[in-house]
Amino acid sequence: MCITLIALLLTLSIAVSFQQPLSSGELIPINVNVEEIQSYVKVLSGVQSRMTGYPGYYESIDYILQELKKAGLNPELHTFYTVVPYDGGSSIKLQNDYVVKAYALYPNVVALGGAKNLKGKLLYASTGDLSELDGKEIEGRIAVLEFNSQDNWLNLIQLGAKAVIFVESPGIAREEALKKITLAPLDFPRLYVCREDASRIREAAKKGLEAEININYTWRRVKAYNVIAKIEGDIEPEKVIILSAHLDSASITPALSPGAEEAVNPAFLLYIAKQLAQHRSKLKYSVWIVFFSGHWQGLSGARWFVEDYFFNESYGLGTTFYPYITLNLELSSGSSKLILNPGGAFFYGHRTVGAMNIYKYLEDSVKKWIVEFYRRYPKYYQAIASDAFNYNPVANIATTTSFRSGVSVDYALPFILDSEPFALAKSPAASFLTFKDIRLKVFTPQDRIENINWDNLKPQFAFTAYVLNKVLSDITTVLKGSGETIKPTRLEVDPANGGFGYADVRVEVLEYDPTVPTLYKPVPNALVVVYKINWYYNTMTSFAVTKYNPFAYIIDQTDENGQLKIVGLAPQEAFIGNVEILGYKVEDGHLTYVPNMGPNGFGKFSPAPPYLKPGITVKTVAFKAAGIFVPHIMLPDQPYPLITLNIYNKPVFPIPYTHYANPMPTSIEAFQENLVRPQSFAKIEDYQGKFALVFAPPEQSIQVIVSITGLQREAVMLLNITDASMMGHGYKLGPAGTLKIVPNALIEYTRELFTISKERYQRAVKQGIRDFNLEELLKTAETNLKKAEQLYAERKYSEAYIYIFKAWSSSIQLYERVRGMYVDFTNAAVVIMLIIAPFAVIFEKFLGRENGYKRIIVLIVIAAFAFSIFAILHPGFTIVYSVSALALGVILMVLVMPTLFFLYLNFNRSLGQLRRKHVGTHFLEREVFDMFIAAMSIG
């Protein structure tokens, strides 16, 4: 009711406002009516959330429809379905029964962190810095943090907090919001409280009051719409120019997403639609005004639009309409620097030479328009001009870097654009993009209209209108010749420059079950996650992978049969790499199924299709699981993330002209009790968050060993060892959907590394082996470990971490030195065992000339005697944990070596026969082995 009243009042005020007359040849005024656009933004950002599937989104759809109808247009709805994280209402009930409205945070990949009747005492943690946590009991508490606290909430998880509540801080920025999500599916409850209730929550937390939180959070498959208004041209109506913008918004709090900055583009598009409707008699070509939805759901609206309108014959492509170009609006107000940009940073990254070739006429036209704009509107030109888009009057050269192949423009962000699916299918598409803007308020609950800088938008509006007028007046500025050359295609191969394609793929999510005939059964209502994992032209600044960009994922849901159709994937002929397709499942707000990386999962069905093309079926395997949280995946002497990402979320080499592993090689091994590998497991790292999640079947004991760098330095051990069992018993996982958190896991790592090393060294000392440097390390590690445990018990966390990092570093060095000692002794024992066999043969020759069984018995007695002597005298035989297993291995090796030797002799003999047959006998050949046996028998 409120939004309808506001819309009515604004419409009436606009109707009586002054309408600027158009210049000759203009369909859209260069000096746009900014007040009119502001009025649309005010309405669109006036709803609580415009995220696809939320009530405010549907209100916005209705508003756009009504405004288009008022302009005399007949809009239609293009329906599709997409999957969104839906916050159905979350709350915090305080001890005095006062209920505070709260908002769930954006998912960690697919993990929602649901909670039902979760009770605990509140703890005010300020910004979560360790010094601010000193003296506070954290384990089992619900922590209250200021939102502007970076990623310190991860500290509270490892210290035992059961949930985190973020209270609104002034000046929330986009980068701050991104610190509250992870790139691994960390299933942990997180809530946000607005300013009006923030002080109440702070006070309750400072008093340590009880609270109960409820997070009503699910993945919901919702009906979504693209709004399309078709304005028919008078001269060549079959030629279509598509003008688009996305209508929806996103925020770290999906249910609180005003998205004012994002509302600028649909507001401007609505303004353009009304101008074109008013002057439709002047239109040569048909214009489709398209308001996309599902932008933040993997461009789902744009992908399904291309799928239906371009590849469904009933829509009339090639008969009733020919799409010549799509021009998308992606303006923002943090900067005035504007480019017309083909391609984008969704997992397409489609900027090959072949992809850019279809824009050669448009690029030539844009260069002319820049010159004209420079001369006619110098003030506006100065505002939009940049190193990537400019005119040099002295050299008389116009620069349009955005039309070059690769990524040759210094984008402020990896911008995801609704024009990308069109270009992938070979339909020319470009976006008007404010490429130097980091968009401080986008993806925050504070993205409100008062933060918009309209002075930065005015010159962008002007240039956009100027270009649109040019394209609308003459389509040959985009393409000369037949539209067949840019007809959308499912697959086009161009080995030299890179091709095109628009793949539709059927995905099946399966679970291994040996009780069914097919061994696999479907997982109904599973979530499917798709992202790009590599890049054909792996240049330094390319959009190589999207695994590290949380917004460049496709997330969708299977039906009751575990099946799903995904459209808009890039086939390998497009030269932009492959994708990885993974299966998950969330039930009652908790992550219950994860990808199966075991022999019956990835070992059977690769998550990366070997050949991605239209129409294929991809099978991916998931399993019911519980998890364990493994923090501090790093080396204590190198306490920084194991990955270096550029601003495009791509792993890069920070030192120019150097190449090394990025991310740093990390091996995460999961075991059941006594180091037995589970048949089903998953290990998922968040390199920037410096933690990992390890999953195994529910109710099982799990052990984890993490090795880092190419040298495989074992830095993390979670074995749960005891004095009675140095192999450890592991940590018992809970039911499916639960996450095991080992309180203060860092002390556990250090204690286990230290205990294993100490036990091994003590065994060596008993054999008279001493290493004084190693003993100094033992003393240092033990002292620091005891000090850290003492400080931790006293809740002096900031000091405890100093000592635990020292102890951890010393314990890793200690473990490596002791292991090196054991490896040396083991190698020595192996060499001795190998020497014993020839020694027994030679020594037997000195004793006599026994034959037959007697000789074999003598050889065995000599070997056993020699083995016993060495076992007594050499410490390696005592230190090695299983001498019998080592001896058995040596015996097997001794038995295998003659077999390999005989195979070599037979192969050599066969070659000799072939040589004599085809070349003839040219030299005397004698059997080497026969000569060796004769010599041994003579003695």
Foldseek 3Di string as FASTA:
>chain_A
DVLVVLLVVLVVVVVPDDDDDDDPLFLAHLQHDVSQLLSQLCSLLVDQFCAPPDPSVVVNVVSLCVLLVVLVFHKDKDKDKAKDKDFPWKWKQFPVRDIATKFFFGFQLAFRQFDDFQKAWEAEQELLDLQSQFQHQQARHEYEYALQNQLSVVVSVQQHHQAYEYEYDPQAWPNSLVSPHFLDRDNGTYIYGYPVCRVVSNVRNHVRTMMTIGTQIDIDIHMGIKMKTKQAADAAAQEEEEEEAESGAAASGNSGTSPSQSSSFVSLLSSSSSSCSVVSNPFHYMYMYIHFHCLLQQLVRLQVCCCCCQVPCVNPDPHRHFYQEYEYEADGFQALAKAWAPAFLFLCLQFWQVLLVLQPLLVVLLQVLQVVCCVPPVVLSVRHDDPQFHADVVVRGTHHNNSHGFDPDDFLARDRTSQHLLSLQQRHYTYTHPRHGPRTCGNHSPNDPVPGDVVSVSSSSSSVSSVVSVCRVDVVSNPDDDSVVRRGDQDDADPPTFTHHKAKEKEAEWAQDCVDPVRIAGDAFKKKKKWFDAFQPPDQPGSGTCSQPSSSINIRTHHRRRMDIDIGDRWCSRRGHWMFMWIWHADSSFTFKGFWPFCVFCVVFPRTDPGGGHPYYGYGYIYGKEKEKFAQQDALVDRAFQFDADSHSDGHDPDPPDDDDGSWDKDKAKAFQLRHHARTKDKADRRRRRIIMIIDAAFTFMWIWMFTHPVRQTQFTQQCADPVGLSHRHHTGHHGRYYHRDHNRLLVRLVNLLVVLVVLVVLVVVVVDDDVVLVVLNVLLVVLSVVLVVSVVSSSSVVSVVSSSSNSNSSSVSSVVSVVVLVVLLVVLLVQLVVLQVVLLVVLVVVDDDDDPVSVVSSVVSSVVSNVVCCVVRSSVRSDPDNPVSSVVSVVVVVVVVVVVVVVLVVVVVVVVVCCVPPNDDDDDDRPVVVVVVVSNVD
